[in-house]
Amino acid sequence: FFAGYQLSPQFENIITMSNYYDTMADLILGLGLVFELPVVVHFLSRIGLLTPRLMREKRKYAILIIFLLAAVITPPDWFSIWLVAVPLLLLYQIGITISERVEKERSRKRALTRKY
């Protein structure tokens, strides 16, 4: 995106290695942190702060936040935003499944401790 972007034909783009590394570092760090969503969901579900019901109820807000994060992390073009947002939306859905499994495991353990 940035390589083809020009304000006008009078200005020439000069991309330095420092600028390139800064952009790539921000992009890789941001994506690396954001794609840890299933791990964070598992941890929060294990300690009881997150439930599948809560995640389903707040899905609209999560979609908005995901698109905002994708817009902040990526260069300012729609293709890049969608390229990051779609996998994050899938990870959110996977997070709901992870939270359901943690909740089932917790209820099964409670049933076993009540039994004995």
N, C-alpha and C. Protein backbone atom coordinates (compact mmCIF):
# COMPACT_ATOMS: atom_id res chain seq x y z
N PHE A 1 0.83 -1.20 0.00
CA PHE A 1 0.00 0.00 0.00
C PHE A 1 0.87 1.26 0.00
N PHE A 2 1.82 1.30 0.94
CA PHE A 2 2.63 2.50 1.06
C PHE A 2 3.58 2.68 -0.13
N ALA A 3 4.01 1.58 -0.74
CA ALA A 3 4.93 1.69 -1.87
C ALA A 3 4.26 2.36 -3.06
N GLY A 4 2.97 2.14 -3.24
CA GLY A 4 2.26 2.73 -4.37
C GLY A 4 1.57 4.04 -4.04
N TYR A 5 1.59 4.46 -2.80
CA TYR A 5 0.89 5.68 -2.38
C TYR A 5 1.75 6.90 -2.64
N GLN A 6 1.20 7.89 -3.32
CA GLN A 6 1.88 9.15 -3.56
C GLN A 6 0.90 10.30 -3.40
N LEU A 7 1.35 11.34 -2.75
CA LEU A 7 0.50 12.52 -2.61
C LEU A 7 0.27 13.19 -3.95
N SER A 8 1.32 13.33 -4.71
CA SER A 8 1.22 13.90 -6.05
C SER A 8 2.44 13.43 -6.85
N PRO A 9 2.40 13.54 -8.17
CA PRO A 9 3.56 13.13 -8.98
C PRO A 9 4.81 13.97 -8.71
N GLN A 10 4.64 15.13 -8.10
CA GLN A 10 5.78 16.00 -7.82
C GLN A 10 6.65 15.46 -6.66
N PHE A 11 6.05 14.64 -5.79
CA PHE A 11 6.77 14.12 -4.63
C PHE A 11 7.17 12.67 -4.87
N GLU A 12 8.37 12.35 -4.49
CA GLU A 12 8.88 10.99 -4.64
C GLU A 12 8.90 10.31 -3.28
N ASN A 13 8.44 9.08 -3.23
CA ASN A 13 8.48 8.32 -1.98
C ASN A 13 9.91 7.88 -1.69
N ILE A 14 10.34 8.15 -0.49
CA ILE A 14 11.66 7.70 -0.06
C ILE A 14 11.43 6.84 1.19
N ILE A 15 11.52 5.53 0.99
CA ILE A 15 11.30 4.60 2.10
C ILE A 15 12.67 4.14 2.58
N THR A 16 12.97 4.44 3.84
CA THR A 16 14.25 4.03 4.41
C THR A 16 14.08 2.69 5.13
N MET A 17 15.19 2.04 5.37
CA MET A 17 15.15 0.77 6.10
C MET A 17 14.61 0.98 7.51
N SER A 18 14.94 2.10 8.11
CA SER A 18 14.45 2.41 9.45
C SER A 18 12.93 2.51 9.45
N ASN A 19 12.37 3.22 8.48
CA ASN A 19 10.90 3.33 8.38
C ASN A 19 10.28 1.97 8.15
N TYR A 20 10.89 1.19 7.27
CA TYR A 20 10.36 -0.14 6.96
C TYR A 20 10.38 -1.03 8.19
N TYR A 21 11.50 -1.05 8.91
CA TYR A 21 11.59 -1.88 10.11
C TYR A 21 10.62 -1.42 11.20
N ASP A 22 10.47 -0.13 11.36
CA ASP A 22 9.50 0.37 12.35
C ASP A 22 8.09 -0.07 12.01
N THR A 23 7.72 0.04 10.75
CA THR A 23 6.38 -0.38 10.32
C THR A 23 6.18 -1.88 10.51
N MET A 24 7.15 -2.66 10.09
CA MET A 24 7.05 -4.11 10.23
C MET A 24 7.04 -4.55 11.69
N ALA A 25 7.85 -3.89 12.52
CA ALA A 25 7.88 -4.23 13.94
C ALA A 25 6.52 -3.96 14.58
N ASP A 26 5.94 -2.81 14.28
CA ASP A 26 4.62 -2.49 14.82
C ASP A 26 3.57 -3.48 14.34
N LEU A 27 3.62 -3.82 13.08
CA LEU A 27 2.66 -4.75 12.51
C LEU A 27 2.79 -6.14 13.11
N ILE A 28 4.00 -6.64 13.20
CA ILE A 28 4.23 -7.99 13.73
C ILE A 28 3.91 -8.05 15.22
N LEU A 29 4.31 -7.06 15.98
CA LEU A 29 4.02 -7.04 17.41
C LEU A 29 2.52 -6.96 17.65
N GLY A 30 1.85 -6.07 16.94
CA GLY A 30 0.40 -5.94 17.10
C GLY A 30 -0.34 -7.22 16.73
N LEU A 31 0.01 -7.81 15.61
CA LEU A 31 -0.65 -9.05 15.20
C LEU A 31 -0.33 -10.19 16.15
N GLY A 32 0.90 -10.24 16.61
CA GLY A 32 1.28 -11.29 17.56
C GLY A 32 0.48 -11.22 18.84
N LEU A 33 0.28 -10.02 19.35
CA LEU A 33 -0.50 -9.85 20.58
C LEU A 33 -1.98 -10.16 20.36
N VAL A 34 -2.52 -9.68 19.27
CA VAL A 34 -3.95 -9.85 19.02
C VAL A 34 -4.31 -11.31 18.74
N PHE A 35 -3.42 -12.03 18.08
CA PHE A 35 -3.72 -13.41 17.74
C PHE A 35 -3.54 -14.37 18.92
N GLU A 36 -3.27 -13.85 20.10
CA GLU A 36 -3.25 -14.65 21.32
C GLU A 36 -4.65 -14.73 21.96
N LEU A 37 -5.66 -14.29 21.24
CA LEU A 37 -7.03 -14.26 21.77
C LEU A 37 -7.49 -15.59 22.36
N PRO A 38 -7.31 -16.74 21.71
CA PRO A 38 -7.77 -18.00 22.31
C PRO A 38 -7.09 -18.32 23.65
N VAL A 39 -5.82 -17.98 23.78
CA VAL A 39 -5.11 -18.23 25.03
C VAL A 39 -5.69 -17.35 26.14
N VAL A 40 -5.94 -16.10 25.83
CA VAL A 40 -6.52 -15.17 26.81
C VAL A 40 -7.93 -15.63 27.21
N VAL A 41 -8.71 -16.06 26.23
CA VAL A 41 -10.07 -16.55 26.51
C VAL A 41 -10.01 -17.77 27.42
N HIS A 42 -9.10 -18.69 27.14
CA HIS A 42 -8.97 -19.89 27.98
C HIS A 42 -8.62 -19.52 29.41
N PHE A 43 -7.66 -18.62 29.57
CA PHE A 43 -7.25 -18.21 30.91
C PHE A 43 -8.40 -17.52 31.65
N LEU A 44 -9.07 -16.58 31.00
CA LEU A 44 -10.17 -15.86 31.66
C LEU A 44 -11.34 -16.78 31.97
N SER A 45 -11.57 -17.78 31.13
CA SER A 45 -12.63 -18.74 31.39
C SER A 45 -12.28 -19.65 32.57
N ARG A 46 -11.01 -20.01 32.66
CA ARG A 46 -10.58 -20.87 33.77
C ARG A 46 -10.73 -20.18 35.12
N ILE A 47 -10.49 -18.88 35.16
CA ILE A 47 -10.63 -18.19 36.45
C ILE A 47 -12.06 -17.69 36.68
N GLY A 48 -12.94 -17.91 35.70
CA GLY A 48 -14.34 -17.60 35.89
C GLY A 48 -14.78 -16.20 35.49
N LEU A 49 -13.93 -15.42 34.85
CA LEU A 49 -14.31 -14.07 34.44
C LEU A 49 -15.06 -14.04 33.11
N LEU A 50 -14.92 -15.08 32.31
CA LEU A 50 -15.50 -15.09 30.98
C LEU A 50 -16.33 -16.35 30.79
N THR A 51 -17.54 -16.17 30.28
CA THR A 51 -18.41 -17.32 30.01
C THR A 51 -18.85 -17.28 28.55
N PRO A 52 -19.24 -18.43 28.00
CA PRO A 52 -19.71 -18.42 26.61
C PRO A 52 -20.96 -17.56 26.43
N ARG A 53 -21.80 -17.54 27.43
CA ARG A 53 -23.02 -16.72 27.36
C ARG A 53 -22.68 -15.23 27.25
N LEU A 54 -21.72 -14.80 28.06
CA LEU A 54 -21.28 -13.40 28.02
C LEU A 54 -20.67 -13.06 26.67
N MET A 55 -19.87 -13.98 26.14
CA MET A 55 -19.23 -13.73 24.84
C MET A 55 -20.26 -13.64 23.73
N ARG A 56 -21.31 -14.45 23.80
CA ARG A 56 -22.36 -14.38 22.78
C ARG A 56 -23.16 -13.09 22.90
N GLU A 57 -23.45 -12.68 24.13
CA GLU A 57 -24.23 -11.46 24.34
C GLU A 57 -23.47 -10.21 23.89
N LYS A 58 -22.18 -10.20 24.04
CA LYS A 58 -21.35 -9.02 23.71
C LYS A 58 -20.68 -9.14 22.35
N ARG A 59 -21.17 -10.02 21.50
CA ARG A 59 -20.57 -10.26 20.19
C ARG A 59 -20.54 -8.99 19.33
N LYS A 60 -21.62 -8.19 19.38
CA LYS A 60 -21.65 -6.96 18.58
C LYS A 60 -20.51 -6.02 18.94
N TYR A 61 -20.27 -5.87 20.24
CA TYR A 61 -19.19 -5.01 20.70
C TYR A 61 -17.83 -5.60 20.32
N ALA A 62 -17.72 -6.90 20.41
CA ALA A 62 -16.46 -7.56 20.05
C ALA A 62 -16.14 -7.35 18.57
N ILE A 63 -17.14 -7.44 17.72
CA ILE A 63 -16.93 -7.22 16.28
C ILE A 63 -16.44 -5.79 16.04
N LEU A 64 -17.04 -4.83 16.69
CA LEU A 64 -16.60 -3.44 16.57
C LEU A 64 -15.16 -3.26 17.03
N ILE A 65 -14.83 -3.83 18.18
CA ILE A 65 -13.48 -3.72 18.72
C ILE A 65 -12.47 -4.42 17.81
N ILE A 66 -12.85 -5.57 17.26
CA ILE A 66 -11.96 -6.29 16.35
C ILE A 66 -11.64 -5.45 15.13
N PHE A 67 -12.66 -4.82 14.54
CA PHE A 67 -12.41 -3.99 13.37
C PHE A 67 -11.60 -2.74 13.72
N LEU A 68 -11.81 -2.17 14.90
CA LEU A 68 -11.00 -1.03 15.32
C LEU A 68 -9.54 -1.43 15.52
N LEU A 69 -9.31 -2.58 16.16
CA LEU A 69 -7.95 -3.07 16.34
C LEU A 69 -7.28 -3.36 15.00
N ALA A 70 -8.02 -3.97 14.09
CA ALA A 70 -7.47 -4.26 12.77
C ALA A 70 -7.11 -2.97 12.05
N ALA A 71 -7.92 -1.94 12.21
CA ALA A 71 -7.63 -0.67 11.56
C ALA A 71 -6.40 0.01 12.17
N VAL A 72 -6.18 -0.17 13.46
CA VAL A 72 -5.02 0.43 14.11
C VAL A 72 -3.75 -0.33 13.75
N ILE A 73 -3.83 -1.64 13.69
CA ILE A 73 -2.65 -2.47 13.46
C ILE A 73 -2.17 -2.40 12.02
N THR A 74 -3.08 -2.37 11.07
CA THR A 74 -2.71 -2.50 9.66
C THR A 74 -2.57 -1.14 8.98
N PRO A 75 -1.98 -1.14 7.79
CA PRO A 75 -1.96 0.10 7.00
C PRO A 75 -3.40 0.52 6.66
N PRO A 76 -3.60 1.79 6.33
CA PRO A 76 -4.97 2.30 6.16
C PRO A 76 -5.60 1.95 4.81
N ASP A 77 -5.79 0.67 4.55
CA ASP A 77 -6.58 0.29 3.38
C ASP A 77 -7.50 -0.85 3.80
N TRP A 78 -8.65 -0.93 3.15
CA TRP A 78 -9.68 -1.88 3.56
C TRP A 78 -9.26 -3.33 3.41
N PHE A 79 -8.47 -3.62 2.39
CA PHE A 79 -8.04 -5.01 2.18
C PHE A 79 -7.23 -5.51 3.38
N SER A 80 -6.31 -4.70 3.87
CA SER A 80 -5.50 -5.10 5.03
C SER A 80 -6.35 -5.24 6.28
N ILE A 81 -7.29 -4.33 6.44
CA ILE A 81 -8.17 -4.40 7.62
C ILE A 81 -8.97 -5.70 7.59
N TRP A 82 -9.54 -6.03 6.45
CA TRP A 82 -10.31 -7.28 6.34
C TRP A 82 -9.41 -8.49 6.49
N LEU A 83 -8.18 -8.40 6.01
CA LEU A 83 -7.24 -9.50 6.09
C LEU A 83 -6.90 -9.85 7.54
N VAL A 84 -6.94 -8.89 8.41
CA VAL A 84 -6.69 -9.13 9.83
C VAL A 84 -8.00 -9.39 10.58
N ALA A 85 -9.07 -8.69 10.24
CA ALA A 85 -10.32 -8.79 11.00
C ALA A 85 -11.00 -10.15 10.84
N VAL A 86 -10.99 -10.71 9.64
CA VAL A 86 -11.69 -11.98 9.42
C VAL A 86 -11.08 -13.10 10.27
N PRO A 87 -9.75 -13.29 10.28
CA PRO A 87 -9.22 -14.32 11.18
C PRO A 87 -9.49 -14.04 12.66
N LEU A 88 -9.50 -12.77 13.04
CA LEU A 88 -9.82 -12.44 14.44
C LEU A 88 -11.26 -12.78 14.78
N LEU A 89 -12.16 -12.56 13.84
CA LEU A 89 -13.56 -12.94 14.07
C LEU A 89 -13.67 -14.46 14.23
N LEU A 90 -12.93 -15.20 13.41
CA LEU A 90 -12.92 -16.66 13.55
C LEU A 90 -12.31 -17.07 14.89
N LEU A 91 -11.26 -16.39 15.31
CA LEU A 91 -10.67 -16.69 16.61
C LEU A 91 -11.64 -16.36 17.75
N TYR A 92 -12.45 -15.35 17.59
CA TYR A 92 -13.46 -15.04 18.61
C TYR A 92 -14.47 -16.18 18.72
N GLN A 93 -14.89 -16.69 17.56
CA GLN A 93 -15.82 -17.82 17.57
C GLN A 93 -15.17 -19.06 18.20
N ILE A 94 -13.90 -19.28 17.88
CA ILE A 94 -13.18 -20.40 18.50
C ILE A 94 -13.06 -20.17 20.00
N GLY A 95 -12.90 -18.93 20.41
CA GLY A 95 -12.85 -18.59 21.83
C GLY A 95 -14.13 -18.94 22.55
N ILE A 96 -15.26 -18.77 21.89
CA ILE A 96 -16.54 -19.16 22.49
C ILE A 96 -16.55 -20.67 22.72
N THR A 97 -16.08 -21.42 21.75
CA THR A 97 -16.01 -22.88 21.89
C THR A 97 -15.06 -23.28 23.02
N ILE A 98 -13.92 -22.61 23.11
CA ILE A 98 -12.97 -22.89 24.19
C ILE A 98 -13.61 -22.60 25.54
N SER A 99 -14.31 -21.50 25.64
CA SER A 99 -14.97 -21.14 26.89
C SER A 99 -16.05 -22.16 27.26
N GLU A 100 -16.77 -22.67 26.26
CA GLU A 100 -17.77 -23.72 26.52
C GLU A 100 -17.11 -24.98 27.07
N ARG A 101 -15.99 -25.36 26.50
CA ARG A 101 -15.29 -26.56 26.98
C ARG A 101 -14.78 -26.38 28.40
N VAL A 102 -14.27 -25.21 28.71
CA VAL A 102 -13.79 -24.95 30.07
C VAL A 102 -14.97 -25.01 31.05
N GLU A 103 -16.10 -24.44 30.65
CA GLU A 103 -17.28 -24.47 31.52
C GLU A 103 -17.79 -25.89 31.73
N LYS A 104 -17.79 -26.71 30.68
CA LYS A 104 -18.21 -28.11 30.82
C LYS A 104 -17.26 -28.87 31.74
N GLU A 105 -15.99 -28.63 31.59
CA GLU A 105 -15.00 -29.29 32.45
C GLU A 105 -15.20 -28.89 33.91
N ARG A 106 -15.47 -27.60 34.14
CA ARG A 106 -15.69 -27.12 35.50
C ARG A 106 -16.95 -27.74 36.10
N SER A 107 -18.03 -27.83 35.33
CA SER A 107 -19.26 -28.42 35.85
C SER A 107 -19.10 -29.92 36.08
N ARG A 108 -18.30 -30.59 35.23
CA ARG A 108 -18.07 -32.02 35.43
C ARG A 108 -17.26 -32.26 36.71
N LYS A 109 -16.28 -31.41 36.97
CA LYS A 109 -15.50 -31.54 38.20
C LYS A 109 -16.36 -31.29 39.43
N ARG A 110 -17.27 -30.30 39.33
CA ARG A 110 -18.19 -30.03 40.45
C ARG A 110 -19.09 -31.22 40.71
N ALA A 111 -19.57 -31.84 39.64
CA ALA A 111 -20.45 -33.01 39.79
C ALA A 111 -19.69 -34.17 40.44
N LEU A 112 -18.44 -34.35 40.08
CA LEU A 112 -17.64 -35.43 40.67
C LEU A 112 -17.35 -35.16 42.13
N THR A 113 -17.09 -33.91 42.50
CA THR A 113 -16.80 -33.61 43.92
C THR A 113 -18.06 -33.72 44.76
N ARG A 114 -19.21 -33.42 44.21
CA ARG A 114 -20.47 -33.57 44.95
C ARG A 114 -20.80 -35.04 45.16
N LYS A 115 -20.43 -35.84 44.19
CA LYS A 115 -20.73 -37.26 44.25
C LYS A 115 -20.00 -37.93 45.40
N TYR A 116 -18.77 -37.50 45.65
CA TYR A 116 -17.95 -38.12 46.69
C TYR A 116 -18.01 -37.28 47.89
